[in-house]
Amino acid sequence: MKHLSLAIVGADFENKTGPGRRFEIALCIPGEPVELRPEPNNPADKNAIAVYSARSIQIGYIRAERAPLIGAAMHRGIVQAIFQKKEKWGATIRAHLDGTVPVLPLVDDSRANDWPPPGSEDADWWPDEVWPDD
């Protein structure tokens, strides 16, 4: 898994200063860079990774289930991310864990109405398909 779409949660929490997270998400444009900032002193989760917009306003956090994976890749210095889209829970970002510049994935409208599948434990992310010639 080198290229991932990741859910950004916590959009309904207030920022300490500046505009609210939902307001900032509304300003984000698909494809613009986002910054990932580890928060090792976060009292809720030592693996927490905050996500900031291109304007340096926090829009939320990478979900706790994915934070260790992304944090390990960040420790190696190879993660780049862009804003992908607004979501009911907050937002989705696109992250490349191999040092390449992220690009927006092609939209598959056929799964737009049934994704995430009901009852899915990992409904907030999905890896790219790997074709046999890769």
C-alpha atoms as a PDB file:
ATOM      1  CA  MET A   1       0.000   0.000   0.000  1.00  0.00           C
ATOM      2  CA  LYS A   2       1.939   2.975  -1.237  1.00  0.00           C
ATOM      3  CA  HIS A   3      -0.944   5.206  -2.328  1.00  0.00           C
ATOM      4  CA  LEU A   4      -3.889   5.648   0.030  1.00  0.00           C
ATOM      5  CA  SER A   5      -7.040   7.672   0.430  1.00  0.00           C
ATOM      6  CA  LEU A   6      -7.448   8.389   4.147  1.00  0.00           C
ATOM      7  CA  ALA A   7     -10.369   9.670   6.209  1.00  0.00           C
ATOM      8  CA  ILE A   8      -9.737  12.822   8.203  1.00  0.00           C
ATOM      9  CA  VAL A   9     -11.898  12.956  11.315  1.00  0.00           C
ATOM     10  CA  GLY A  10     -12.505  15.426  14.120  1.00  0.00           C
ATOM     11  CA  ALA A  11     -13.927  18.147  11.887  1.00  0.00           C
ATOM     12  CA  ASP A  12     -16.537  19.083  14.487  1.00  0.00           C
ATOM     13  CA  PHE A  13     -13.954  19.938  17.157  1.00  0.00           C
ATOM     14  CA  GLU A  14     -12.898  23.563  17.525  1.00  0.00           C
ATOM     15  CA  ASN A  15      -9.407  24.803  16.728  1.00  0.00           C
ATOM     16  CA  LYS A  16      -7.655  26.699  19.532  1.00  0.00           C
ATOM     17  CA  THR A  17      -7.303  29.720  17.247  1.00  0.00           C
ATOM     18  CA  GLY A  18      -8.431  30.731  13.794  1.00  0.00           C
ATOM     19  CA  PRO A  19     -11.323  29.459  11.723  1.00  0.00           C
ATOM     20  CA  GLY A  20     -13.245  26.289  12.517  1.00  0.00           C
ATOM     21  CA  ARG A  21     -12.306  23.015  10.893  1.00  0.00           C
ATOM     22  CA  ARG A  22     -15.530  22.612   8.898  1.00  0.00           C
ATOM     23  CA  PHE A  23     -15.141  26.152   7.571  1.00  0.00           C
ATOM     24  CA  GLU A  24     -11.555  25.430   6.518  1.00  0.00           C
ATOM     25  CA  ILE A  25     -12.544  22.131   4.887  1.00  0.00           C
ATOM     26  CA  ALA A  26     -15.124  24.070   2.841  1.00  0.00           C
ATOM     27  CA  LEU A  27     -12.271  26.237   1.512  1.00  0.00           C
ATOM     28  CA  CYS A  28     -10.041  23.306   0.549  1.00  0.00           C
ATOM     29  CA  ILE A  29      -9.669  22.495  -3.137  1.00  0.00           C
ATOM     30  CA  PRO A  30      -9.074  18.937  -4.360  1.00  0.00           C
ATOM     31  CA  GLY A  31      -5.398  18.519  -5.220  1.00  0.00           C
ATOM     32  CA  GLU A  32      -3.999  21.241  -2.958  1.00  0.00           C
ATOM     33  CA  PRO A  33      -1.280  20.144  -0.530  1.00  0.00           C
ATOM     34  CA  VAL A  34      -2.006  19.315   3.095  1.00  0.00           C
ATOM     35  CA  GLU A  35       0.527  19.072   5.881  1.00  0.00           C
ATOM     36  CA  LEU A  36       0.720  16.140   8.265  1.00  0.00           C
ATOM     37  CA  ARG A  37       2.025  16.944  11.757  1.00  0.00           C
ATOM     38  CA  PRO A  38       2.710  14.202  14.303  1.00  0.00           C
ATOM     39  CA  GLU A  39       1.545  14.987  17.862  1.00  0.00           C
ATOM     40  CA  PRO A  40       3.538  12.612  20.099  1.00  0.00           C
ATOM     41  CA  ASN A  41       2.394  14.555  23.204  1.00  0.00           C
ATOM     42  CA  ASN A  42      -1.300  14.296  22.333  1.00  0.00           C
ATOM     43  CA  PRO A  43      -3.004  13.078  25.556  1.00  0.00           C
ATOM     44  CA  ALA A  44      -5.581  11.019  23.633  1.00  0.00           C
ATOM     45  CA  ASP A  45      -3.149   9.199  21.309  1.00  0.00           C
ATOM     46  CA  LYS A  46       0.656   9.305  21.176  1.00  0.00           C
ATOM     47  CA  ASN A  47       0.425   8.296  17.481  1.00  0.00           C
ATOM     48  CA  ALA A  48      -1.925  11.187  16.586  1.00  0.00           C
ATOM     49  CA  ILE A  49      -1.276  12.932  13.282  1.00  0.00           C
ATOM     50  CA  ALA A  50      -2.962  16.286  12.757  1.00  0.00           C
ATOM     51  CA  VAL A  51      -3.808  17.424   9.226  1.00  0.00           C
ATOM     52  CA  TYR A  52      -3.446  21.070   8.198  1.00  0.00           C
ATOM     53  CA  SER A  53      -4.728  22.794   5.079  1.00  0.00           C
ATOM     54  CA  ALA A  54      -2.582  24.679   2.582  1.00  0.00           C
ATOM     55  CA  ARG A  55      -3.365  27.767   4.712  1.00  0.00           C
ATOM     56  CA  SER A  56      -1.932  26.079   7.866  1.00  0.00           C
ATOM     57  CA  ILE A  57      -5.354  25.662   9.515  1.00  0.00           C
ATOM     58  CA  GLN A  58      -6.066  22.310  11.165  1.00  0.00           C
ATOM     59  CA  ILE A  59      -8.855  20.348   9.468  1.00  0.00           C
ATOM     60  CA  GLY A  60      -8.715  17.223  11.648  1.00  0.00           C
ATOM     61  CA  TYR A  61      -6.756  14.045  12.330  1.00  0.00           C
ATOM     62  CA  ILE A  62      -5.870  10.859  10.507  1.00  0.00           C
ATOM     63  CA  ARG A  63      -7.938   8.075  12.058  1.00  0.00           C
ATOM     64  CA  ALA A  64      -6.209   6.303  14.940  1.00  0.00           C
ATOM     65  CA  GLU A  65      -6.192   2.974  13.065  1.00  0.00           C
ATOM     66  CA  ARG A  66      -4.032   4.413  10.274  1.00  0.00           C
ATOM     67  CA  ALA A  67      -1.861   6.821  12.290  1.00  0.00           C
ATOM     68  CA  PRO A  68       0.880   4.263  13.158  1.00  0.00           C
ATOM     69  CA  LEU A  69       1.307   3.295   9.488  1.00  0.00           C
ATOM     70  CA  ILE A  70       1.455   6.907   8.333  1.00  0.00           C
ATOM     71  CA  GLY A  71       3.670   7.906  11.261  1.00  0.00           C
ATOM     72  CA  ALA A  72       6.191   5.162  10.422  1.00  0.00           C
ATOM     73  CA  ALA A  73       6.315   6.329   6.793  1.00  0.00           C
ATOM     74  CA  MET A  74       6.711   9.945   7.968  1.00  0.00           C
ATOM     75  CA  HIS A  75       9.609   8.864  10.172  1.00  0.00           C
ATOM     76  CA  ARG A  76      11.295   7.592   7.004  1.00  0.00           C
ATOM     77  CA  GLY A  77      10.586  11.020   5.435  1.00  0.00           C
ATOM     78  CA  ILE A  78       8.652   9.813   2.405  1.00  0.00           C
ATOM     79  CA  VAL A  79       5.015  10.914   2.875  1.00  0.00           C
ATOM     80  CA  GLN A  80       3.318  13.552   0.752  1.00  0.00           C
ATOM     81  CA  ALA A  81      -0.390  14.345   0.869  1.00  0.00           C
ATOM     82  CA  ILE A  82      -3.069  16.380  -0.883  1.00  0.00           C
ATOM     83  CA  PHE A  83      -6.677  17.253  -0.134  1.00  0.00           C
ATOM     84  CA  GLN A  84      -8.982  14.840  -1.964  1.00  0.00           C
ATOM     85  CA  LYS A  85     -12.572  15.771  -1.057  1.00  0.00           C
ATOM     86  CA  LYS A  86     -15.051  16.943   1.543  1.00  0.00           C
ATOM     87  CA  GLU A  87     -16.999  14.223   3.375  1.00  0.00           C
ATOM     88  CA  LYS A  88     -19.888  14.020   5.846  1.00  0.00           C
ATOM     89  CA  TRP A  89     -17.430  12.989   8.589  1.00  0.00           C
ATOM     90  CA  GLY A  90     -14.833  15.618   7.594  1.00  0.00           C
ATOM     91  CA  ALA A  91     -12.574  15.034   4.622  1.00  0.00           C
ATOM     92  CA  THR A  92     -10.514  12.564   2.636  1.00  0.00           C
ATOM     93  CA  ILE A  93      -6.883  13.162   1.784  1.00  0.00           C
ATOM     94  CA  ARG A  94      -4.653  11.359  -0.695  1.00  0.00           C
ATOM     95  CA  ALA A  95      -1.280  10.226   0.668  1.00  0.00           C
ATOM     96  CA  HIS A  96       1.660   8.687  -1.149  1.00  0.00           C
ATOM     97  CA  LEU A  97       3.966   6.739   1.150  1.00  0.00           C
ATOM     98  CA  ASP A  98       6.739   6.266  -1.395  1.00  0.00           C
ATOM     99  CA  GLY A  99       7.935   9.864  -1.830  1.00  0.00           C
ATOM    100  CA  THR A 100       6.096  10.450  -5.088  1.00  0.00           C
ATOM    101  CA  VAL A 101       3.837  13.444  -5.595  1.00  0.00           C
ATOM    102  CA  PRO A 102       0.216  12.475  -4.906  1.00  0.00           C
ATOM    103  CA  VAL A 103      -2.410  12.779  -7.599  1.00  0.00           C
ATOM    104  CA  LEU A 104      -6.158  12.549  -7.247  1.00  0.00           C
ATOM    105  CA  PRO A 105      -7.486   9.067  -7.981  1.00  0.00           C
ATOM    106  CA  LEU A 106      -9.885   8.496 -10.811  1.00  0.00           C
ATOM    107  CA  VAL A 107     -13.455   8.717  -9.570  1.00  0.00           C
ATOM    108  CA  ASP A 108     -15.422   5.499  -9.841  1.00  0.00           C
ATOM    109  CA  ASP A 109     -19.005   6.763  -9.730  1.00  0.00           C
ATOM    110  CA  SER A 110     -20.320   3.200  -9.572  1.00  0.00           C
ATOM    111  CA  ARG A 111     -19.349   2.897  -5.894  1.00  0.00           C
ATOM    112  CA  ALA A 112     -20.247   6.445  -4.862  1.00  0.00           C
ATOM    113  CA  ASN A 113     -23.604   5.401  -3.434  1.00  0.00           C
ATOM    114  CA  ASP A 114     -22.529   2.153  -1.783  1.00  0.00           C
ATOM    115  CA  TRP A 115     -19.196   3.160  -0.298  1.00  0.00           C
ATOM    116  CA  PRO A 116     -18.500   2.595   2.480  1.00  0.00           C
ATOM    117  CA  PRO A 117     -20.241  -0.752   2.555  1.00  0.00           C
ATOM    118  CA  PRO A 118     -22.560  -1.197   5.533  1.00  0.00           C
ATOM    119  CA  GLY A 119     -20.834  -2.770   8.510  1.00  0.00           C
ATOM    120  CA  SER A 120     -17.343  -2.380   7.097  1.00  0.00           C
ATOM    121  CA  GLU A 121     -14.665  -2.042   9.757  1.00  0.00           C
ATOM    122  CA  ASP A 122     -12.284  -0.207   7.385  1.00  0.00           C
ATOM    123  CA  ALA A 123     -14.841   1.850   5.497  1.00  0.00           C
ATOM    124  CA  ASP A 124     -12.765   5.020   5.803  1.00  0.00           C
ATOM    125  CA  TRP A 125      -9.903   4.066   3.480  1.00  0.00           C
ATOM    126  CA  TRP A 126      -9.198   1.907   0.485  1.00  0.00           C
ATOM    127  CA  PRO A 127      -5.963   0.979  -1.303  1.00  0.00           C
ATOM    128  CA  ASP A 128      -5.492   1.456  -5.014  1.00  0.00           C
ATOM    129  CA  GLU A 129      -6.153  -1.527  -7.191  1.00  0.00           C
ATOM    130  CA  VAL A 130      -2.974  -3.334  -8.222  1.00  0.00           C
ATOM    131  CA  TRP A 131      -3.086  -4.517 -11.775  1.00  0.00           C
ATOM    132  CA  PRO A 132      -1.069  -7.549 -12.940  1.00  0.00           C
ATOM    133  CA  ASP A 133       1.362  -5.442 -15.015  1.00  0.00           C
ATOM    134  CA  ASP A 134       2.485  -3.327 -11.996  1.00  0.00           C
END
